[in-house]
Amino acid sequence: MLVLVAPGQGAQTPGFLTPWLELPGVRGAIEAWSDAVQLDLVRYGTEGDAEEIRDTAVAQPLLVAAGLASAAMLFDDPSELPRKVGAIAGHSVGELTAAGLARVLPDEETVRLVRARGLAMAEAAAITETGMSALLGGDPEVSIAHLEKLGLTPANINGAGQIVAAGTMEQLAALNEDKPEGVRKVVPLKVAGAFHTHHMGPAVEKLAEAAKELVPADPQLTYVSNKDGKVVTSGAEVLERLVGQVANPVRWDLCMETFKELGVTALIEICPGGTLTGLAKRALPGVKTLALKTPDDLDAARELIAEHSA
């Protein structure tokens, strides 16, 4: 059984979109979405430097647009995706990519919603200087207790020995000086705020307003939610969870547990892939993984789909 996953913020790198624009239909789609959200996604994905594309309001629509476009290249016909993919999920903003691919919302509405999400989260992040850091290694229970002692939130519990802490820059500096027992390294992430924490409360309200105008459809395939790793079958509930997810922790560990229960045999991470396949290699032994980084990876991905399709 094949699982398709979409990465979250921090996966973007300068120029990552460039080779994809050479494929038929990709440039046109990205330009249309750029017009819809009044943001030049082509320029940001090809010429934007690391600081420009770190901006939450830019990074989020850029990642979702790249994910939608790259996933479309995996299939000769869009109708093949729900027939050949056993389950779908996304990490943080990648959940919107997953919702779009599951046809909960049309592509343009998905990109519009993520643009509203990015702007709202950027505004919330500007209130207090905050950030996020990944903890590598250590016992999760020990690490979570230590983070709470420092006033930090375990914003992403990713499994495979990785937790992401979020809070103020002062709290993160204290974490650097006082790591939890067993943690090998604390790595600052390329994000501009303490996402999935109470600091994002104002963004939830704005996103809820934007979501009121939408009429979601039920997912066309098995959709696994970040909130608790549960399968969600109602489009209305998917949308409700996408709104609340902004200020709630990402439980990717529980998503991977669900993949295991569903009988996953292969996992493809759409562009810009790498992070989630790394976690899967450690947490899902025996599962074949592939990160879709450039169009050069498409042939191998299509072979994997043919071998493991639903």
Protein backbone atom coordinates (compact mmCIF):
# COMPACT_ATOMS: atom_id res chain seq x y z
CA MET A 1 0.00 0.00 0.00
CA LEU A 2 1.36 3.37 -1.10
CA VAL A 3 1.29 6.49 1.08
CA LEU A 4 1.84 9.95 -0.43
CA VAL A 5 3.11 12.64 1.96
CA ALA A 6 3.76 16.39 1.65
CA PRO A 7 6.52 18.23 3.54
CA GLY A 8 6.10 21.28 5.76
CA GLN A 9 7.77 24.64 6.12
CA GLY A 10 11.55 24.53 6.22
CA ALA A 11 11.77 22.07 3.30
CA GLN A 12 12.13 24.90 0.78
CA THR A 13 15.56 25.78 -0.67
CA PRO A 14 16.56 28.54 -3.13
CA GLY A 15 15.83 27.58 -6.74
CA PHE A 16 14.10 24.29 -5.94
CA LEU A 17 11.22 25.03 -8.31
CA THR A 18 13.42 25.74 -11.36
CA PRO A 19 13.64 22.25 -12.94
CA TRP A 20 9.92 21.60 -12.45
CA LEU A 21 8.96 24.59 -14.59
CA GLU A 22 10.35 22.81 -17.66
CA LEU A 23 7.68 20.11 -17.47
CA PRO A 24 4.47 20.49 -19.51
CA GLY A 25 1.76 22.44 -17.72
CA VAL A 26 3.72 23.24 -14.56
CA ARG A 27 4.68 26.82 -15.35
CA GLY A 28 1.14 27.62 -16.45
CA ALA A 29 -0.33 26.20 -13.26
CA ILE A 30 2.13 28.03 -11.01
CA GLU A 31 1.53 31.30 -12.88
CA ALA A 32 -2.26 30.90 -12.53
CA TRP A 33 -1.93 30.30 -8.79
CA SER A 34 0.44 33.26 -8.54
CA ASP A 35 -2.24 35.47 -10.10
CA ALA A 36 -4.87 34.06 -7.74
CA VAL A 37 -2.89 35.01 -4.63
CA GLN A 38 -1.07 38.06 -6.05
CA LEU A 39 2.33 36.58 -5.29
CA ASP A 40 4.99 35.73 -7.91
CA LEU A 41 5.58 32.10 -6.96
CA VAL A 42 7.67 31.51 -10.09
CA ARG A 43 10.17 34.18 -9.08
CA TYR A 44 10.31 33.09 -5.46
CA GLY A 45 10.78 29.44 -6.45
CA THR A 46 13.55 30.19 -8.94
CA GLU A 47 15.29 33.43 -7.89
CA GLY A 48 14.29 33.98 -4.25
CA ASP A 49 17.17 33.74 -1.78
CA ALA A 50 17.02 31.78 1.47
CA GLU A 51 15.84 34.76 3.51
CA GLU A 52 13.05 35.70 1.07
CA ILE A 53 11.59 32.20 0.95
CA ARG A 54 11.91 31.82 4.72
CA ASP A 55 9.14 34.43 5.04
CA THR A 56 6.09 32.50 6.23
CA ALA A 57 3.74 34.39 3.91
CA VAL A 58 5.87 33.28 0.94
CA ALA A 59 7.10 29.85 2.01
CA GLN A 60 3.68 28.35 2.65
CA PRO A 61 1.98 29.03 -0.71
CA LEU A 62 5.26 28.22 -2.49
CA LEU A 63 5.48 24.79 -0.83
CA VAL A 64 1.83 23.94 -1.47
CA ALA A 65 2.01 25.03 -5.11
CA ALA A 66 5.17 22.97 -5.64
CA GLY A 67 3.56 19.97 -3.96
CA LEU A 68 0.39 20.13 -6.04
CA ALA A 69 2.34 20.56 -9.27
CA SER A 70 4.91 17.81 -8.59
CA ALA A 71 2.25 15.29 -7.49
CA ALA A 72 0.34 15.90 -10.72
CA MET A 73 3.45 14.81 -12.66
CA LEU A 74 3.33 11.36 -11.08
CA PHE A 75 0.20 10.35 -13.01
CA ASP A 76 -0.90 10.45 -16.64
CA ASP A 77 -4.41 11.38 -15.51
CA PRO A 78 -5.44 13.17 -12.25
CA SER A 79 -8.11 10.51 -11.65
CA GLU A 80 -5.34 7.94 -11.11
CA LEU A 81 -4.19 9.51 -7.83
CA PRO A 82 -7.15 8.47 -5.63
CA ARG A 83 -7.18 5.02 -7.28
CA LYS A 84 -3.48 4.28 -6.89
CA VAL A 85 -2.60 6.04 -3.61
CA GLY A 86 -3.70 4.17 -0.49
CA ALA A 87 -3.43 7.09 1.94
CA ILE A 88 -2.30 10.71 2.01
CA ALA A 89 -1.01 13.08 4.69
CA GLY A 90 1.03 16.25 5.04
CA HIS A 91 3.25 17.70 7.73
CA SER A 92 2.02 21.08 9.03
CA VAL A 93 1.34 23.26 5.97
CA GLY A 94 1.76 20.07 3.93
CA GLU A 95 -1.68 19.10 5.24
CA LEU A 96 -3.15 21.69 2.89
CA THR A 97 -1.26 20.11 -0.01
CA ALA A 98 -2.67 16.74 1.04
CA ALA A 99 -6.19 18.19 1.31
CA GLY A 100 -5.88 19.62 -2.19
CA LEU A 101 -4.64 16.33 -3.63
CA ALA A 102 -7.49 14.50 -1.86
CA ARG A 103 -9.87 16.96 -3.63
CA VAL A 104 -11.24 18.40 -0.40
CA LEU A 105 -10.76 21.78 -2.11
CA PRO A 106 -9.96 22.69 -5.73
CA ASP A 107 -6.33 23.64 -6.37
CA GLU A 108 -6.94 27.40 -6.61
CA GLU A 109 -8.99 27.47 -3.40
CA THR A 110 -6.27 25.43 -1.66
CA VAL A 111 -3.59 27.93 -2.69
CA ARG A 112 -5.81 30.87 -1.67
CA LEU A 113 -6.39 29.32 1.74
CA VAL A 114 -2.70 28.66 2.30
CA ARG A 115 -1.90 32.23 1.31
CA ALA A 116 -4.36 33.44 3.97
CA ARG A 117 -2.77 31.00 6.43
CA GLY A 118 0.75 32.23 5.69
CA LEU A 119 -0.21 35.90 6.05
CA ALA A 120 -2.09 35.27 9.29
CA MET A 121 0.77 33.24 10.78
CA ALA A 122 3.33 35.84 9.72
CA GLU A 123 1.28 38.54 11.48
CA ALA A 124 0.99 36.42 14.61
CA ALA A 125 4.72 35.68 14.55
CA ALA A 126 5.51 39.40 14.37
CA ILE A 127 3.88 40.04 17.76
CA THR A 128 6.71 38.32 19.67
CA GLU A 129 10.10 37.14 18.37
CA THR A 130 9.73 33.37 18.32
CA GLY A 131 11.16 30.34 16.55
CA MET A 132 11.55 26.57 16.47
CA SER A 133 14.41 24.10 17.00
CA ALA A 134 14.64 20.36 16.37
CA LEU A 135 15.90 18.06 19.10
CA LEU A 136 17.79 15.07 17.74
CA GLY A 137 17.91 11.97 19.88
CA GLY A 138 16.85 11.48 23.47
CA ASP A 139 13.82 9.94 25.12
CA PRO A 140 10.56 11.72 24.10
CA GLU A 141 9.05 11.72 27.59
CA VAL A 142 12.25 13.14 29.12
CA SER A 143 12.55 15.77 26.37
CA ILE A 144 8.91 16.89 26.58
CA ALA A 145 9.12 17.30 30.35
CA HIS A 146 12.34 19.31 29.96
CA LEU A 147 10.79 21.58 27.31
CA GLU A 148 7.80 22.31 29.50
CA LYS A 149 10.16 23.22 32.35
CA LEU A 150 11.77 25.81 30.05
CA GLY A 151 8.35 27.16 28.96
CA LEU A 152 8.70 25.69 25.47
CA THR A 153 6.05 23.76 23.53
CA PRO A 154 6.72 20.37 21.84
CA ALA A 155 5.17 21.72 18.64
CA ASN A 156 6.08 18.78 16.37
CA ILE A 157 6.38 15.27 17.75
CA ASN A 158 7.80 13.66 14.65
CA GLY A 159 8.73 10.18 15.82
CA ALA A 160 12.04 8.50 14.99
CA GLY A 161 13.66 10.33 17.91
CA GLN A 162 12.80 13.85 16.74
CA ILE A 163 10.84 16.54 18.58
CA VAL A 164 10.59 20.19 17.55
CA ALA A 165 10.48 22.78 20.32
CA ALA A 166 8.81 26.16 19.82
CA GLY A 167 8.75 29.34 21.85
CA THR A 168 10.46 32.68 22.30
CA MET A 169 14.05 33.21 21.18
CA GLU A 170 15.08 33.56 24.84
CA GLN A 171 13.52 30.19 25.65
CA LEU A 172 15.23 28.58 22.66
CA ALA A 173 18.57 30.10 23.71
CA ALA A 174 18.07 28.54 27.16
CA LEU A 175 17.44 25.20 25.46
CA ASN A 176 20.76 25.46 23.63
CA GLU A 177 22.50 25.92 26.96
CA ASP A 178 20.47 23.25 28.76
CA LYS A 179 19.61 20.33 26.45
CA PRO A 180 17.45 17.46 27.70
CA GLU A 181 19.35 14.38 28.80
CA GLY A 182 20.21 12.17 25.82
CA VAL A 183 19.64 14.82 23.14
CA ARG A 184 22.60 14.86 20.75
CA LYS A 185 21.94 18.17 19.06
CA VAL A 186 19.56 21.14 18.93
CA VAL A 187 19.09 22.47 15.39
CA PRO A 188 17.37 25.84 14.69
CA LEU A 189 14.78 25.53 11.89
CA LYS A 190 14.30 27.80 8.87
CA VAL A 191 10.96 29.13 10.06
CA ALA A 192 9.91 32.57 11.24
CA GLY A 193 7.79 31.83 14.29
CA ALA A 194 6.60 29.42 17.00
CA PHE A 195 4.09 27.59 14.84
CA HIS A 196 1.64 25.10 16.34
CA THR A 197 1.68 26.86 19.72
CA HIS A 198 -0.47 29.38 21.61
CA HIS A 199 1.55 32.15 19.88
CA MET A 200 -0.51 31.37 16.75
CA GLY A 201 -3.89 32.03 18.41
CA PRO A 202 -4.59 35.22 16.39
CA ALA A 203 -3.90 33.31 13.15
CA VAL A 204 -6.54 30.70 13.98
CA GLU A 205 -9.23 33.38 14.14
CA LYS A 206 -8.24 34.88 10.76
CA LEU A 207 -8.01 31.48 9.09
CA ALA A 208 -11.42 30.52 10.45
CA GLU A 209 -12.86 33.63 8.77
CA ALA A 210 -11.23 32.71 5.44
CA ALA A 211 -12.50 29.13 5.70
CA LYS A 212 -16.14 30.23 6.20
CA GLU A 213 -16.48 30.96 2.49
CA LEU A 214 -15.35 27.47 1.42
CA VAL A 215 -17.46 24.40 0.66
CA PRO A 216 -15.22 21.38 1.20
CA ALA A 217 -15.82 17.98 -0.37
CA ASP A 218 -15.14 14.68 1.38
CA PRO A 219 -11.62 13.31 0.71
CA GLN A 220 -11.43 10.98 -2.30
CA LEU A 221 -8.89 8.76 -0.54
CA THR A 222 -7.77 7.91 2.99
CA TYR A 223 -6.74 11.19 4.64
CA VAL A 224 -4.61 11.01 7.80
CA SER A 225 -4.69 14.05 10.12
CA ASN A 226 -1.74 15.65 11.97
CA LYS A 227 -3.89 16.32 15.00
CA ASP A 228 -4.03 12.74 16.24
CA GLY A 229 -3.07 10.43 13.37
CA LYS A 230 -6.74 9.60 12.78
CA VAL A 231 -8.31 8.97 9.38
CA VAL A 232 -10.80 11.76 8.58
CA THR A 233 -13.58 11.04 6.09
CA SER A 234 -15.53 14.32 6.25
CA GLY A 235 -14.40 17.31 4.20
CA ALA A 236 -15.95 19.68 6.76
CA GLU A 237 -13.90 18.06 9.52
CA VAL A 238 -10.72 18.19 7.43
CA LEU A 239 -11.22 21.95 6.98
CA GLU A 240 -12.00 22.44 10.67
CA ARG A 241 -8.82 20.57 11.60
CA LEU A 242 -6.74 22.59 9.12
CA VAL A 243 -7.84 25.78 10.88
CA GLY A 244 -7.17 24.55 14.41
CA GLN A 245 -3.89 22.86 13.41
CA VAL A 246 -2.18 26.25 13.19
CA ALA A 247 -2.04 26.46 17.01
CA ASN A 248 -1.97 22.72 17.80
CA PRO A 249 1.05 20.38 17.90
CA VAL A 250 1.82 18.24 14.84
CA ARG A 251 1.68 14.54 15.77
CA TRP A 252 3.57 13.06 12.85
CA ASP A 253 4.56 10.14 15.07
CA LEU A 254 0.88 9.15 15.26
CA CYS A 255 0.46 9.61 11.50
CA MET A 256 3.27 7.10 10.90
CA GLU A 257 1.65 4.70 13.39
CA THR A 258 -1.53 4.92 11.32
CA PHE A 259 0.41 4.27 8.09
CA LYS A 260 1.73 1.13 9.73
CA GLU A 261 -1.76 0.02 10.79
CA LEU A 262 -3.05 0.62 7.26
CA GLY A 263 -0.36 -1.69 5.89
CA VAL A 264 2.00 0.78 4.20
CA THR A 265 4.63 -0.83 1.97
CA ALA A 266 5.93 2.29 0.17
CA LEU A 267 6.01 6.03 0.84
CA ILE A 268 6.64 8.87 -1.61
CA GLU A 269 7.31 12.40 -0.37
CA ILE A 270 6.39 14.98 -2.97
CA CYS A 271 8.52 18.03 -3.82
CA PRO A 272 10.55 19.31 -2.03
CA GLY A 273 11.03 15.87 -0.51
CA GLY A 274 13.60 14.65 1.99
CA THR A 275 12.56 15.37 5.58
CA LEU A 276 9.62 12.98 5.88
CA THR A 277 11.34 10.15 4.03
CA GLY A 278 14.21 10.48 6.52
CA LEU A 279 11.77 10.04 9.41
CA ALA A 280 10.05 7.12 7.67
CA LYS A 281 13.32 5.27 7.13
CA ARG A 282 13.88 5.22 10.88
CA ALA A 283 10.29 4.73 12.06
CA LEU A 284 8.94 2.42 9.33
CA PRO A 285 11.62 -0.23 8.71
CA GLY A 286 11.00 -2.33 5.63
CA VAL A 287 8.91 0.37 3.92
CA LYS A 288 10.33 1.56 0.60
CA THR A 289 10.73 5.35 0.52
CA LEU A 290 11.37 7.91 -2.19
CA ALA A 291 11.85 11.68 -1.94
CA LEU A 292 10.69 13.61 -4.98
CA LYS A 293 13.31 16.35 -5.17
CA THR A 294 13.65 17.01 -8.90
CA PRO A 295 11.99 15.70 -12.08
CA ASP A 296 14.86 13.21 -12.32
CA ASP A 297 13.14 11.28 -9.52
CA LEU A 298 9.84 10.88 -11.40
CA ASP A 299 10.64 7.63 -13.22
CA ALA A 300 11.64 5.87 -10.00
CA ALA A 301 8.53 7.24 -8.28
CA ARG A 302 6.26 5.96 -11.06
CA GLU A 303 7.86 2.52 -10.78
CA LEU A 304 7.19 2.53 -7.04
CA ILE A 305 3.57 3.50 -7.67
CA ALA A 306 3.17 0.65 -10.15
CA GLU A 307 4.59 -1.84 -7.63
CA HIS A 308 2.64 -0.65 -4.56
CA SER A 309 -0.53 1.05 -5.83
CA ALA A 310 -3.80 0.48 -4.01
